[in-house]
Protein backbone atom coordinates (compact mmCIF):
# COMPACT_ATOMS: atom_id res chain seq x y z
CA ALA A 1 0.01 0.24 0.18
CA LEU A 2 1.11 3.39 -1.01
CA GLN A 3 -0.27 6.49 0.65
CA VAL A 4 1.19 10.16 0.49
CA ASP A 5 0.22 13.39 2.31
CA GLN A 6 2.03 17.01 2.07
CA ASN A 7 4.97 16.19 4.08
CA LEU A 8 5.03 12.17 4.05
CA VAL A 9 4.83 8.91 1.89
CA LEU A 10 4.30 5.48 3.77
CA ILE A 11 5.36 2.52 1.71
CA TYR A 12 3.24 -0.74 3.75
CA LEU A 13 3.93 -4.63 3.29
CA LYS A 14 1.96 -6.92 5.15
CA GLY A 15 4.12 -9.07 6.76
CA ARG A 16 4.24 -11.55 10.16
CA GLU A 17 6.01 -9.29 12.31
CA GLN A 18 6.72 -5.22 12.60
CA ARG A 19 9.34 -3.43 10.44
CA PHE A 20 10.36 0.22 10.00
CA GLY A 21 12.42 2.45 7.89
CA PHE A 22 12.91 6.33 8.15
CA SER A 23 14.29 7.64 5.13
CA VAL A 24 14.90 11.49 5.03
CA SER A 25 17.06 12.87 1.90
CA GLY A 26 19.44 15.30 1.74
CA LYS A 27 17.85 17.12 0.46
CA VAL A 28 15.33 17.66 3.14
CA GLY A 29 17.86 19.62 4.91
CA ASN A 30 21.99 19.13 6.93
CA ALA A 31 22.11 16.07 9.08
CA VAL A 32 21.23 18.01 12.30
CA THR A 33 17.66 19.04 10.56
CA ARG A 34 17.28 15.17 8.67
CA ASN A 35 18.57 13.31 12.57
CA ARG A 36 15.60 15.33 14.08
CA ILE A 37 13.10 14.28 11.54
CA ARG A 38 13.91 10.45 11.75
CA ARG A 39 13.82 11.13 15.97
CA CYS A 40 10.69 11.97 15.87
CA LEU A 41 9.10 9.90 13.55
CA ARG A 42 10.80 7.00 15.12
CA GLU A 43 9.70 8.18 18.59
CA ASP A 44 5.86 8.74 17.30
CA ILE A 45 6.25 5.04 16.21
CA ARG A 46 7.04 3.64 19.48
CA ARG A 47 4.27 5.34 21.22
CA MET A 48 1.74 3.93 18.17
CA ARG A 49 3.76 0.27 17.89
CA GLY A 50 1.09 -1.51 19.79
CA GLU A 51 -2.30 0.43 17.43
CA LEU A 52 -0.36 -0.89 14.15
CA LYS A 53 -1.02 -3.98 12.93
CA CYS A 54 1.93 -6.16 11.66
CA GLY A 55 3.93 -5.46 8.65
CA ARG A 56 6.93 -3.69 6.95
CA TYR A 57 6.08 -0.28 7.65
CA VAL A 58 8.90 2.76 5.57
CA PHE A 59 8.04 6.14 5.79
CA ILE A 60 10.02 8.46 3.67
CA ALA A 61 10.01 12.99 4.52
CA ARG A 62 9.51 15.60 2.02
CA THR A 63 11.38 18.38 1.95
CA SER A 64 8.27 20.21 3.10
CA ILE A 65 8.69 18.61 6.53
CA THR A 66 10.91 21.29 7.29
CA GLU A 67 8.73 23.95 7.91
CA VAL A 68 6.18 22.07 10.12
CA SER A 69 5.89 21.79 14.11
CA HIS A 70 6.89 17.66 15.35
CA ALA A 71 2.69 18.02 16.83
CA ALA A 72 2.01 18.36 13.24
CA VAL A 73 3.84 15.59 11.80
CA THR A 74 2.70 13.16 14.75
CA ARG A 75 -1.07 14.05 13.30
CA GLU A 76 0.14 13.65 10.11
CA LEU A 77 1.41 10.17 10.52
CA ARG A 78 -1.82 9.02 12.38
CA LYS A 79 -3.61 10.76 9.33
CA LEU A 80 -1.76 8.97 7.10
CA LEU A 81 -1.93 5.50 8.84
CA GLY A 82 -6.04 5.72 9.67
CA ARG A 83 -6.48 5.93 6.05
CA ALA A 84 -4.37 3.20 5.07
CA GLY A 85 -6.75 1.39 7.18
CA LEU A 86 -3.22 0.14 9.38
CA LEU A 87 -4.08 0.95 13.19
CA ARG A 88 -5.72 -1.69 14.65
CA GLU A 89 -9.21 -1.24 16.25
CA ASP A 90 -9.44 -3.47 19.13
CA VAL A 91 -6.71 -1.17 20.65
CA GLN A 92 -7.77 2.15 22.53
CA PRO A 93 -5.33 5.20 21.59
CA GLY A 94 -2.99 6.06 23.96
CA PRO A 95 -2.23 9.37 25.32
CA THR A 96 -1.10 11.95 22.79
CA PRO A 97 1.55 14.80 23.57
């Protein structure tokens, strides 16, 4: 499944375990910026892990991601996963920061 949003692209493949990959191109910014974006995405996924279906997830950051806050990226990530149907219905969402 491929889902595209303003700041993120999600590629999903079915599988028996949860695996996550994060891609932030050199076009996005310098190393500090790219690593901060990766850390933010990893933290968001760590918090949502129990709500996600099994499979392989690859998140690709688009260049516009540098212009929005971490909270906005978190909302967009949740919206992207919901639209793709990858959030499990049987799990109650955890508290959002």
